[in-house]
Amino acid sequence: MLDLLIPRYPDVITVARRNERRWWILFLVVCVLSGVVLVLLSRRMSPEAVLSFLIFGGVLVTTAIHPRFGVYAILGLTLFGDRSLHPWYPFTKNLSSPESIMYVSDSFSFSPLELAIVWTLLVWIVRAATERRLRIHFGPLFWPAAVFLVFNAIGLVYGLANGGNRVIALWEVRAIFYLPLMLLLAGNLIENRAQLNTLFWVATIALFAKGVAGVWYVHDVLKWNLEGVERIAEHAMSIHFNFFFVLLVAAWLYHDSAVRRFSMTLMAPFVLFSLIANFRRAGFLTLGMALGLIVLLLYIEKRRLFYIIAPTSALGFAAYLVVFWNNQGPLGALARAVRSVIGQPSARDAASNIYRDLENINIMFTIRNAPLTGIGFGNKFHLLVPLPDISVFEWWEYITHNSIMWVWMKIGVVGFYALILLLALTMLYGARMVRLMPHGQLRVFALTATLYIFTHFVYAYVDMSWEGGSMVFVGTMMGVINALPQIAAARSAPSWPWRVFQAEPVVQNRV
């Protein structure tokens, strides 16, 4: 904990000046946004583009009112984005992306997501410092994340110094920088149970909206015909949906609010349909592992319930496998994932397995050639054995499906151990929070955050997992775990946006 708190008892004049300064800042921000709108209209941008800029401006204004709102907006807008379901969606794309409705110029290589993260960080630090209330909670997870980030920065410099492609190197590493920043922001700006509950609702609604978008895509584009469809969205969508279902199950087991339990139950069919339609075997299997760990937790905490749920679930799953073992439709997706694991994959899954096996051979060969330093970002991995043609993915010679060993291949053995240390500490501390949090909502949040990170990095062993959306999500959940002791100790009180402009308690100067 870095505590630069300097107690001070403001008099009436100080409070008045502070509130006046806040209003002037808000007025200037509104003027700037108005000017931006006029510029956009003068450039004859589409109404959708102007609306997007206005929404983004609203995000910046609300973040200026309180930086906590920036964390909500970053998480929600990031989780809703998907390059396949809505390629026009601007928040996670550069302002230089022609397909984005917020396209500005080819020279703007920053995304609204990155601008929002930097803006939230600046507002938090500057506002806290000027009010002499700068208190930074690092917790047990920030420094391991920072060390991992340092090794990635070294890998970037090393890769460029050895002839790496600058553009590709920056694309490889940029999303990793989101993780410690979101860990720091979420771990400091989410301060009580009400705010944490809001954060989880934001994630839930964003994932539900993406599930609805997936259903609409199948209806409108595919006409309900999923035959031969490899996926409907980005690979990461499936692993993000694990959060939704773990939260739903945990909410029922630990008696979270009735609103969450019943509303998420009504949302679940849309999310489940999109999960199945996306056909990610690793997504199904990691979700099954997470639910299995919840059942094991029941054995420790609620043994009577365990003896009811475990046999029933096992029999139901066995019956499902018997009925859908040879089914090639959407309902057989989970059965095909199990068949693939035990050695009976379909032709499509077998081809995918072969590609990953060959790719792993090349990864290990590359690691053996540079075990200490790695090859650095921006450099191609070595091809000991040729790979099937997937040139549709333009960076196939740089980024591999095995996202765990990819780290060793890129930044060397010490950076790889830094990643393992970060993951180990996160799991240990998350499991400790699950055991220490009181039964109810806080335990639901602790369990969901911990299991989401677990499923993400198990998934990362077989699929690409370092993209921006996942790093925002993982960093936020690490921040939640990091802040849980302080949140559990804090008193929850409603915090309305306009309260920051009300007069503060005044203590008369003592003579």
Protein backbone atom coordinates (compact mmCIF):
# COMPACT_ATOMS: atom_id res chain seq x y z
CA MET A 1 0.00 0.00 0.00
CA LEU A 2 1.35 3.39 -1.02
CA ASP A 3 -0.30 5.92 1.26
CA LEU A 4 0.25 9.59 0.51
CA LEU A 5 -2.78 10.64 2.52
CA ILE A 6 -2.22 14.04 4.12
CA PRO A 7 -5.12 14.81 6.47
CA ARG A 8 -6.46 18.29 6.10
CA TYR A 9 -9.56 20.00 7.46
CA PRO A 10 -10.91 22.42 4.85
CA ASP A 11 -12.66 25.60 5.78
CA VAL A 12 -15.69 27.03 3.97
CA ILE A 13 -13.63 28.99 1.43
CA THR A 14 -11.53 25.94 0.52
CA VAL A 15 -14.64 23.81 -0.02
CA ALA A 16 -16.27 26.51 -2.16
CA ARG A 17 -13.18 26.89 -4.32
CA ARG A 18 -12.89 23.15 -4.77
CA ASN A 19 -16.49 22.77 -5.89
CA GLU A 20 -16.17 25.77 -8.20
CA ARG A 21 -13.06 24.24 -9.77
CA ARG A 22 -14.90 20.99 -10.37
CA TRP A 23 -17.75 22.75 -12.11
CA TRP A 24 -15.34 24.70 -14.33
CA ILE A 25 -13.55 21.49 -15.28
CA LEU A 26 -16.86 19.86 -16.23
CA PHE A 27 -17.86 22.96 -18.22
CA LEU A 28 -14.58 22.91 -20.15
CA VAL A 29 -14.97 19.20 -20.89
CA VAL A 30 -18.48 19.82 -22.28
CA CYS A 31 -17.13 22.68 -24.42
CA VAL A 32 -14.38 20.45 -25.80
CA LEU A 33 -16.87 17.69 -26.62
CA SER A 34 -19.13 20.22 -28.34
CA GLY A 35 -16.20 21.36 -30.44
CA VAL A 36 -15.40 17.76 -31.36
CA VAL A 37 -18.99 17.21 -32.50
CA LEU A 38 -18.85 20.32 -34.69
CA VAL A 39 -15.61 19.09 -36.27
CA LEU A 40 -17.15 15.68 -36.92
CA LEU A 41 -20.21 17.22 -38.52
CA SER A 42 -18.01 19.43 -40.68
CA ARG A 43 -16.22 16.30 -41.92
CA ARG A 44 -19.61 14.89 -42.99
CA MET A 45 -19.31 11.80 -40.86
CA SER A 46 -22.24 9.43 -40.66
CA PRO A 47 -24.79 9.84 -37.84
CA GLU A 48 -23.58 6.52 -36.40
CA ALA A 49 -20.02 7.83 -36.18
CA VAL A 50 -21.14 11.07 -34.51
CA LEU A 51 -23.24 9.09 -32.04
CA SER A 52 -20.26 6.85 -31.24
CA PHE A 53 -18.04 9.84 -30.55
CA LEU A 54 -20.74 11.33 -28.34
CA ILE A 55 -21.01 8.09 -26.37
CA PHE A 56 -17.25 7.94 -26.00
CA GLY A 57 -17.25 11.56 -24.89
CA GLY A 58 -19.88 10.66 -22.33
CA VAL A 59 -17.59 7.92 -21.04
CA LEU A 60 -14.78 10.45 -20.62
CA VAL A 61 -17.08 12.94 -18.84
CA THR A 62 -18.47 10.37 -16.40
CA THR A 63 -14.94 9.15 -15.75
CA ALA A 64 -13.95 12.74 -14.94
CA ILE A 65 -16.84 12.86 -12.46
CA HIS A 66 -15.58 9.70 -10.84
CA PRO A 67 -12.87 7.41 -12.29
CA ARG A 68 -14.74 4.36 -11.04
CA PHE A 69 -17.21 4.85 -13.90
CA GLY A 70 -14.27 4.46 -16.27
CA VAL A 71 -13.68 0.93 -14.97
CA TYR A 72 -17.34 0.06 -15.54
CA ALA A 73 -17.29 1.46 -19.08
CA ILE A 74 -13.98 -0.17 -20.05
CA LEU A 75 -15.11 -3.61 -18.93
CA GLY A 76 -18.63 -3.43 -20.36
CA LEU A 77 -17.76 -1.91 -23.73
CA THR A 78 -14.81 -4.26 -24.16
CA LEU A 79 -16.79 -7.42 -23.42
CA PHE A 80 -19.52 -6.47 -25.87
CA GLY A 81 -17.06 -6.00 -28.73
CA ASP A 82 -16.41 -8.78 -31.22
CA ARG A 83 -14.60 -8.53 -34.55
CA SER A 84 -16.78 -11.19 -36.17
CA LEU A 85 -20.26 -10.44 -34.84
CA HIS A 86 -20.00 -6.67 -35.41
CA PRO A 87 -16.84 -5.65 -37.28
CA TRP A 88 -17.98 -2.00 -37.27
CA TYR A 89 -17.80 -1.85 -33.46
CA PRO A 90 -15.30 0.89 -32.58
CA PHE A 91 -14.32 0.63 -28.90
CA THR A 92 -11.67 -2.08 -29.20
CA LYS A 93 -10.44 -1.05 -32.66
CA ASN A 94 -7.90 1.58 -33.60
CA LEU A 95 -9.11 4.94 -34.80
CA SER A 96 -7.15 3.99 -37.92
CA SER A 97 -9.28 0.90 -38.66
CA PRO A 98 -11.29 1.60 -41.84
CA GLU A 99 -14.12 -0.76 -40.86
CA SER A 100 -14.68 1.03 -37.54
CA ILE A 101 -17.42 3.65 -37.49
CA MET A 102 -15.03 5.80 -35.41
CA TYR A 103 -12.38 5.80 -38.13
CA VAL A 104 -10.44 9.10 -38.01
CA SER A 105 -7.17 8.70 -39.91
CA ASP A 106 -4.57 6.09 -40.81
CA SER A 107 -2.15 7.80 -38.44
CA PHE A 108 -4.25 7.27 -35.29
CA SER A 109 -2.96 3.92 -34.03
CA PHE A 110 -4.78 4.07 -30.69
CA SER A 111 -8.14 2.59 -29.80
CA PRO A 112 -10.88 4.17 -27.66
CA LEU A 113 -10.18 1.33 -25.20
CA GLU A 114 -6.58 2.43 -24.72
CA LEU A 115 -7.55 6.09 -24.47
CA ALA A 116 -10.16 5.22 -21.84
CA ILE A 117 -7.64 3.23 -19.76
CA VAL A 118 -5.08 6.06 -19.84
CA TRP A 119 -7.76 8.70 -19.13
CA THR A 120 -9.13 6.75 -16.15
CA LEU A 121 -5.64 6.30 -14.73
CA LEU A 122 -4.80 10.00 -15.15
CA VAL A 123 -8.09 11.21 -13.66
CA TRP A 124 -7.67 8.94 -10.64
CA ILE A 125 -4.07 9.91 -9.94
CA VAL A 126 -4.45 13.66 -10.59
CA ARG A 127 -7.72 14.02 -8.72
CA ALA A 128 -6.51 12.06 -5.69
CA ALA A 129 -3.21 13.95 -5.63
CA THR A 130 -4.81 17.41 -5.85
CA GLU A 131 -7.23 16.53 -3.06
CA ARG A 132 -4.39 15.02 -1.01
CA ARG A 133 -6.13 11.65 -0.87
CA LEU A 134 -3.72 9.56 -2.95
CA ARG A 135 -3.79 6.06 -1.54
CA ILE A 136 -2.67 3.23 -3.83
CA HIS A 137 -3.35 -0.37 -2.85
CA PHE A 138 -0.96 -2.73 -4.64
CA GLY A 139 -1.85 -5.92 -2.79
CA PRO A 140 -0.14 -9.28 -3.34
CA LEU A 141 -0.83 -9.46 -7.10
CA PHE A 142 0.25 -6.15 -8.58
CA TRP A 143 4.00 -6.59 -8.24
CA PRO A 144 4.09 -10.07 -9.84
CA ALA A 145 2.01 -8.60 -12.70
CA ALA A 146 4.41 -5.65 -12.94
CA VAL A 147 7.43 -7.97 -13.07
CA PHE A 148 5.80 -9.97 -15.85
CA LEU A 149 5.11 -6.72 -17.69
CA VAL A 150 8.77 -5.66 -17.37
CA PHE A 151 9.93 -8.89 -19.03
CA ASN A 152 7.47 -8.31 -21.86
CA ALA A 153 8.88 -4.82 -22.33
CA ILE A 154 12.38 -6.32 -22.42
CA GLY A 155 11.15 -8.87 -24.98
CA LEU A 156 9.82 -6.03 -27.11
CA VAL A 157 13.13 -4.15 -27.03
CA TYR A 158 15.12 -7.34 -27.64
CA GLY A 159 12.92 -8.39 -30.54
CA LEU A 160 13.16 -5.01 -32.26
CA ALA A 161 16.93 -4.90 -31.69
CA ASN A 162 17.21 -8.25 -33.48
CA GLY A 163 15.35 -7.19 -36.59
CA GLY A 164 11.78 -7.84 -35.49
CA ASN A 165 8.86 -6.32 -37.37
CA ARG A 166 7.91 -3.20 -35.39
CA VAL A 167 4.21 -3.22 -36.26
CA ILE A 168 3.74 -6.91 -35.48
CA ALA A 169 5.83 -6.66 -32.29
CA LEU A 170 3.62 -3.87 -30.95
CA TRP A 171 0.48 -5.80 -31.86
CA GLU A 172 1.81 -8.89 -30.08
CA VAL A 173 2.60 -7.15 -26.82
CA ARG A 174 0.24 -4.18 -26.52
CA ALA A 175 -2.69 -6.09 -25.00
CA ILE A 176 -0.47 -7.56 -22.26
CA PHE A 177 0.02 -4.02 -20.93
CA TYR A 178 -3.71 -3.81 -20.24
CA LEU A 179 -3.53 -6.54 -17.58
CA PRO A 180 -1.55 -4.75 -14.81
CA LEU A 181 -3.26 -1.43 -15.57
CA MET A 182 -6.74 -2.92 -15.14
CA LEU A 183 -5.54 -4.81 -12.07
CA LEU A 184 -4.41 -1.52 -10.54
CA LEU A 185 -7.55 0.41 -11.52
CA ALA A 186 -10.08 -2.22 -10.45
CA GLY A 187 -8.16 -2.97 -7.25
CA ASN A 188 -8.25 0.67 -6.18
CA LEU A 189 -11.40 2.20 -7.64
CA ILE A 190 -13.85 -0.56 -6.67
CA GLU A 191 -14.07 0.16 -2.97
CA ASN A 192 -17.20 -1.46 -1.52
CA ARG A 193 -19.75 -4.21 -2.10
CA ALA A 194 -22.23 -2.01 -3.96
CA GLN A 195 -19.58 -0.96 -6.45
CA LEU A 196 -18.37 -4.54 -6.88
CA ASN A 197 -21.95 -5.66 -7.45
CA THR A 198 -22.31 -2.99 -10.13
CA LEU A 199 -19.10 -4.16 -11.81
CA PHE A 200 -20.38 -7.74 -12.00
CA TRP A 201 -23.72 -6.55 -13.35
CA VAL A 202 -21.91 -4.59 -16.06
CA ALA A 203 -19.99 -7.72 -17.10
CA THR A 204 -23.17 -9.84 -16.98
CA ILE A 205 -25.22 -7.46 -19.13
CA ALA A 206 -22.39 -7.07 -21.67
CA LEU A 207 -22.04 -10.84 -22.03
CA PHE A 208 -25.80 -11.25 -22.31
CA ALA A 209 -25.87 -8.59 -25.04
CA LYS A 210 -23.12 -10.48 -26.88
CA GLY A 211 -25.13 -13.69 -26.51
CA VAL A 212 -28.15 -11.98 -28.06
CA ALA A 213 -25.92 -10.69 -30.87
CA GLY A 214 -24.77 -14.27 -31.49
CA VAL A 215 -28.37 -15.51 -31.71
CA TRP A 216 -29.24 -12.68 -34.08
CA TYR A 217 -26.21 -13.49 -36.26
CA VAL A 218 -27.31 -17.12 -36.57
CA HIS A 219 -30.84 -16.00 -37.39
CA ASP A 220 -30.06 -13.13 -39.76
CA VAL A 221 -26.87 -14.29 -41.51
CA LEU A 222 -26.83 -18.09 -41.22
CA LYS A 223 -30.62 -18.54 -41.36
CA TRP A 224 -30.35 -21.05 -38.46
CA ASN A 225 -28.11 -23.32 -40.55
CA LEU A 226 -24.95 -24.13 -38.57
CA GLU A 227 -23.79 -26.98 -40.81
CA GLY A 228 -20.15 -26.49 -41.78
CA VAL A 229 -19.83 -23.33 -39.66
CA GLU A 230 -16.54 -23.31 -37.76
CA ARG A 231 -17.44 -20.47 -35.42
CA ILE A 232 -19.74 -17.44 -35.28
CA ALA A 233 -17.50 -15.09 -33.27
CA GLU A 234 -14.00 -14.65 -31.90
CA HIS A 235 -12.52 -17.64 -30.08
CA ALA A 236 -12.35 -15.63 -26.85
CA MET A 237 -16.13 -15.24 -26.68
CA SER A 238 -16.47 -18.83 -25.49
CA ILE A 239 -14.06 -18.40 -22.61
CA HIS A 240 -15.71 -15.11 -21.62
CA PHE A 241 -19.05 -16.91 -21.38
CA ASN A 242 -17.52 -19.18 -18.72
CA PHE A 243 -17.72 -16.20 -16.38
CA PHE A 244 -21.48 -15.94 -16.96
CA PHE A 245 -22.24 -19.57 -16.17
CA VAL A 246 -19.90 -19.80 -13.17
CA LEU A 247 -21.51 -16.66 -11.75
CA LEU A 248 -24.98 -18.09 -12.35
CA VAL A 249 -24.21 -21.40 -10.62
CA ALA A 250 -22.40 -19.69 -7.73
CA ALA A 251 -25.29 -17.24 -7.26
CA TRP A 252 -27.73 -20.13 -6.75
CA LEU A 253 -25.40 -22.11 -4.49
CA TYR A 254 -24.55 -19.20 -2.20
CA HIS A 255 -27.97 -17.52 -2.28
CA ASP A 256 -27.06 -14.30 -3.99
CA SER A 257 -29.85 -11.79 -4.60
CA ALA A 258 -33.04 -13.10 -6.18
CA VAL A 259 -32.71 -10.45 -8.89
CA ARG A 260 -29.37 -11.86 -10.03
CA ARG A 261 -30.45 -15.49 -9.80
CA PHE A 262 -33.69 -15.20 -11.74
CA SER A 263 -32.64 -12.58 -14.28
CA MET A 264 -29.47 -14.52 -15.17
CA THR A 265 -31.52 -17.70 -15.48
CA LEU A 266 -33.69 -15.93 -18.06
CA MET A 267 -30.59 -14.64 -19.88
CA ALA A 268 -28.87 -18.03 -19.89
CA PRO A 269 -30.54 -19.59 -23.01
CA PHE A 270 -29.22 -16.81 -25.25
CA VAL A 271 -25.70 -17.08 -23.89
CA LEU A 272 -25.77 -20.89 -24.02
CA PHE A 273 -26.94 -20.91 -27.63
CA SER A 274 -24.12 -18.58 -28.69
CA LEU A 275 -21.60 -20.64 -26.70
CA ILE A 276 -22.67 -23.81 -28.50
CA ALA A 277 -22.81 -22.12 -31.90
CA ASN A 278 -19.22 -20.88 -31.50
CA PHE A 279 -17.96 -24.52 -31.40
CA ARG A 280 -14.89 -24.03 -29.16
CA ARG A 281 -13.94 -27.38 -27.62
CA ALA A 282 -11.61 -25.76 -25.11
CA GLY A 283 -14.41 -23.44 -24.02
CA PHE A 284 -16.70 -26.39 -23.21
CA LEU A 285 -13.99 -28.35 -21.42
CA THR A 286 -12.77 -25.44 -19.28
CA LEU A 287 -16.34 -24.64 -18.28
CA GLY A 288 -16.77 -28.28 -17.28
CA MET A 289 -13.58 -28.08 -15.21
CA ALA A 290 -14.84 -24.94 -13.46
CA LEU A 291 -18.18 -26.57 -12.63
CA GLY A 292 -16.33 -29.66 -11.42
CA LEU A 293 -14.30 -27.53 -9.02
CA ILE A 294 -17.51 -25.99 -7.70
CA VAL A 295 -18.83 -29.49 -7.03
CA LEU A 296 -15.62 -30.34 -5.14
CA LEU A 297 -16.05 -27.18 -3.10
CA LEU A 298 -19.53 -28.38 -2.20
CA TYR A 299 -17.95 -31.54 -0.77
CA ILE A 300 -16.00 -29.35 1.65
CA GLU A 301 -18.71 -26.85 2.55
CA LYS A 302 -22.11 -28.45 1.88
CA ARG A 303 -21.62 -32.19 1.87
CA ARG A 304 -25.32 -33.05 1.91
CA LEU A 305 -25.88 -30.93 -1.17
CA PHE A 306 -22.81 -32.51 -2.76
CA TYR A 307 -24.32 -35.99 -2.43
CA ILE A 308 -27.44 -34.73 -4.19
CA ILE A 309 -25.83 -32.73 -7.00
CA ALA A 310 -22.76 -34.83 -7.83
CA PRO A 311 -24.46 -38.19 -8.61
CA THR A 312 -27.36 -36.46 -10.39
CA SER A 313 -25.02 -34.40 -12.55
CA ALA A 314 -22.83 -37.42 -13.34
CA LEU A 315 -25.82 -39.52 -14.41
CA GLY A 316 -27.28 -36.68 -16.46
CA PHE A 317 -23.98 -36.05 -18.22
CA ALA A 318 -23.52 -39.76 -18.93
CA ALA A 319 -27.01 -39.93 -20.41
CA TYR A 320 -26.24 -36.91 -22.58
CA LEU A 321 -23.05 -38.56 -23.90
CA VAL A 322 -24.92 -41.76 -24.74
CA VAL A 323 -27.64 -39.91 -26.66
CA PHE A 324 -25.43 -37.38 -28.49
CA TRP A 325 -22.18 -39.32 -28.88
CA ASN A 326 -22.39 -39.42 -32.68
CA ASN A 327 -24.46 -36.27 -33.14
CA GLN A 328 -22.84 -33.78 -35.54
CA GLY A 329 -25.24 -30.92 -34.86
CA PRO A 330 -25.06 -28.10 -32.33
CA LEU A 331 -26.48 -30.24 -29.51
CA GLY A 332 -23.61 -32.68 -29.93
CA ALA A 333 -20.88 -30.03 -29.58
CA LEU A 334 -20.04 -30.93 -25.98
CA ALA A 335 -20.05 -34.66 -26.75
CA ARG A 336 -17.66 -34.05 -29.66
CA ALA A 337 -15.37 -32.11 -27.34
CA VAL A 338 -15.26 -35.09 -24.96
CA ARG A 339 -14.65 -37.50 -27.86
CA SER A 340 -11.79 -35.34 -29.05
CA VAL A 341 -10.13 -35.45 -25.64
CA ILE A 342 -10.34 -39.22 -25.27
CA GLY A 343 -8.95 -39.84 -28.77
CA GLN A 344 -11.99 -40.04 -31.08
CA PRO A 345 -12.09 -36.60 -32.74
CA SER A 346 -14.10 -35.74 -35.81
CA ALA A 347 -12.26 -35.04 -39.07
CA ARG A 348 -12.33 -31.29 -38.43
CA ASP A 349 -11.14 -31.66 -34.83
CA ALA A 350 -8.46 -34.16 -35.89
CA ALA A 351 -7.07 -31.67 -38.40
CA SER A 352 -7.05 -29.00 -35.71
CA ASN A 353 -5.26 -31.34 -33.30
CA ILE A 354 -2.62 -32.19 -35.89
CA TYR A 355 -1.95 -28.52 -36.57
CA ARG A 356 -1.49 -27.81 -32.87
CA ASP A 357 0.81 -30.82 -32.45
CA LEU A 358 3.01 -29.66 -35.33
CA GLU A 359 2.94 -26.11 -34.02
CA ASN A 360 4.03 -27.31 -30.56
CA ILE A 361 7.00 -29.09 -32.14
CA ASN A 362 8.06 -25.81 -33.73
CA ILE A 363 7.53 -23.94 -30.46
CA MET A 364 9.77 -26.32 -28.53
CA PHE A 365 12.39 -26.21 -31.28
CA THR A 366 12.39 -22.42 -31.15
CA ILE A 367 12.65 -22.46 -27.35
CA ARG A 368 15.62 -24.85 -27.45
CA ASN A 369 17.40 -22.46 -29.81
CA ALA A 370 16.94 -19.47 -27.46
CA PRO A 371 15.86 -20.73 -24.03
CA LEU A 372 17.19 -17.81 -21.96
CA THR A 373 16.21 -14.77 -24.00
CA GLY A 374 13.53 -16.05 -26.33
CA ILE A 375 13.30 -14.70 -29.86
CA GLY A 376 11.64 -11.42 -28.85
CA PHE A 377 8.45 -9.90 -30.18
CA GLY A 378 8.20 -9.20 -33.88
CA ASN A 379 10.29 -12.25 -34.91
CA LYS A 380 8.95 -15.39 -36.57
CA PHE A 381 9.23 -18.71 -34.75
CA HIS A 382 11.35 -21.42 -36.39
CA LEU A 383 9.69 -24.01 -38.60
CA LEU A 384 11.30 -27.39 -37.96
CA VAL A 385 8.27 -29.07 -39.52
CA PRO A 386 5.99 -27.44 -42.13
CA LEU A 387 2.50 -26.38 -41.05
CA PRO A 388 -0.77 -26.68 -42.97
CA ASP A 389 -1.77 -23.49 -44.73
CA ILE A 390 -3.66 -21.07 -42.47
CA SER A 391 -2.38 -17.95 -44.21
CA VAL A 392 -5.85 -16.46 -43.76
CA PHE A 393 -4.43 -15.57 -40.34
CA GLU A 394 -1.69 -13.18 -41.41
CA TRP A 395 0.40 -13.53 -38.24
CA TRP A 396 0.47 -17.32 -38.14
CA GLU A 397 4.30 -17.27 -38.16
CA TYR A 398 4.41 -15.06 -35.05
CA ILE A 399 1.52 -16.03 -32.76
CA THR A 400 0.78 -19.62 -31.76
CA HIS A 401 -2.26 -21.37 -30.34
CA ASN A 402 -0.35 -22.47 -27.23
CA SER A 403 -0.37 -19.10 -25.49
CA ILE A 404 1.52 -20.35 -22.43
CA MET A 405 4.61 -21.72 -24.17
CA TRP A 406 4.40 -18.80 -26.58
CA VAL A 407 5.45 -16.59 -23.66
CA TRP A 408 8.65 -18.62 -23.11
CA MET A 409 9.31 -18.62 -26.83
CA LYS A 410 9.03 -14.83 -26.98
CA ILE A 411 10.57 -13.53 -23.72
CA GLY A 412 12.68 -16.39 -22.38
CA VAL A 413 12.67 -18.65 -19.38
CA VAL A 414 12.79 -15.96 -16.67
CA GLY A 415 9.81 -14.15 -18.17
CA PHE A 416 8.00 -17.49 -18.43
CA TYR A 417 8.60 -18.16 -14.72
CA ALA A 418 7.32 -14.65 -13.99
CA LEU A 419 4.06 -15.64 -15.69
CA ILE A 420 3.88 -18.91 -13.74
CA LEU A 421 4.51 -17.02 -10.49
CA LEU A 422 1.73 -14.54 -11.29
CA LEU A 423 -0.74 -17.34 -12.07
CA ALA A 424 0.23 -19.38 -9.00
CA LEU A 425 -0.12 -16.42 -6.63
CA THR A 426 -3.44 -15.45 -8.21
CA MET A 427 -4.85 -18.94 -7.75
CA LEU A 428 -3.55 -19.26 -4.18
CA TYR A 429 -4.79 -15.84 -3.13
CA GLY A 430 -8.09 -16.32 -4.97
CA ALA A 431 -8.69 -19.67 -3.25
CA ARG A 432 -7.88 -18.02 0.08
CA MET A 433 -10.43 -15.28 -0.62
CA VAL A 434 -13.07 -17.88 -1.47
CA ARG A 435 -12.51 -19.50 1.93
CA LEU A 436 -12.33 -16.22 3.87
CA MET A 437 -15.23 -14.32 2.32
CA PRO A 438 -18.55 -14.64 4.15
CA HIS A 439 -21.25 -16.80 2.62
CA GLY A 440 -23.33 -14.85 0.18
CA GLN A 441 -22.52 -12.29 -2.46
CA LEU A 442 -18.85 -11.70 -1.66
CA ARG A 443 -18.09 -15.41 -1.83
CA VAL A 444 -19.95 -15.59 -5.14
CA PHE A 445 -17.74 -12.83 -6.54
CA ALA A 446 -14.53 -14.34 -5.14
CA LEU A 447 -15.31 -17.77 -6.59
CA THR A 448 -16.37 -16.41 -9.99
CA ALA A 449 -13.29 -14.19 -10.38
CA THR A 450 -10.90 -16.97 -9.36
CA LEU A 451 -12.46 -19.64 -11.56
CA TYR A 452 -12.63 -17.31 -14.54
CA ILE A 453 -8.88 -16.68 -14.35
CA PHE A 454 -8.31 -20.43 -13.92
CA THR A 455 -10.37 -21.31 -16.98
CA HIS A 456 -8.77 -18.56 -19.04
CA PHE A 457 -5.24 -19.80 -18.57
CA VAL A 458 -6.17 -23.47 -18.98
CA TYR A 459 -7.78 -22.39 -22.25
CA ALA A 460 -4.59 -20.43 -23.07
CA TYR A 461 -2.65 -23.70 -23.24
CA VAL A 462 -4.51 -24.67 -26.42
CA ASP A 463 -5.72 -21.40 -27.95
CA MET A 464 -4.71 -17.78 -28.50
CA SER A 465 -5.52 -15.82 -25.37
CA TRP A 466 -3.52 -12.60 -25.18
CA GLU A 467 -5.91 -10.38 -27.13
CA GLY A 468 -7.13 -7.08 -25.69
CA GLY A 469 -10.59 -8.10 -24.50
CA SER A 470 -9.29 -11.05 -22.51
CA MET A 471 -6.51 -9.00 -20.91
CA VAL A 472 -9.00 -6.36 -19.79
CA PHE A 473 -11.22 -9.08 -18.30
CA VAL A 474 -8.39 -11.00 -16.62
CA GLY A 475 -6.82 -7.81 -15.25
CA THR A 476 -10.15 -6.65 -13.83
CA MET A 477 -10.80 -9.99 -12.14
CA MET A 478 -7.27 -9.97 -10.68
CA GLY A 479 -7.99 -6.49 -9.36
CA VAL A 480 -11.21 -7.75 -7.77
CA ILE A 481 -9.36 -10.58 -6.01
CA ASN A 482 -6.66 -8.15 -4.93
CA ALA A 483 -9.19 -5.76 -3.38
CA LEU A 484 -11.57 -8.24 -1.72
CA PRO A 485 -10.23 -7.85 1.86
CA GLN A 486 -10.66 -4.06 1.68
CA ILE A 487 -14.09 -4.42 0.06
CA ALA A 488 -15.24 -6.88 2.72
CA ALA A 489 -14.15 -4.46 5.45
CA ALA A 490 -15.74 -1.38 3.83
CA ARG A 491 -19.24 -0.17 4.50
CA SER A 492 -21.46 -0.20 1.43
CA ALA A 493 -23.31 3.03 0.83
CA PRO A 494 -25.03 4.36 -2.27
CA SER A 495 -22.69 6.57 -4.25
CA TRP A 496 -24.55 8.80 -6.68
CA PRO A 497 -22.71 10.67 -9.44
CA TRP A 498 -23.78 14.11 -8.29
CA ARG A 499 -22.60 13.68 -4.69
CA VAL A 500 -19.07 14.70 -5.68
CA PHE A 501 -20.38 18.22 -6.27
CA GLN A 502 -22.13 18.58 -2.94
CA ALA A 503 -20.55 20.57 -0.21
CA GLU A 504 -18.09 18.56 1.88
CA PRO A 505 -18.21 18.39 5.66
CA VAL A 506 -16.57 21.49 7.05
CA VAL A 507 -14.43 21.57 10.14
CA GLN A 508 -13.74 25.03 11.46
CA ASN A 509 -10.10 25.96 11.75
CA ARG A 510 -8.92 25.64 15.27
CA VAL A 511 -7.21 28.59 16.82
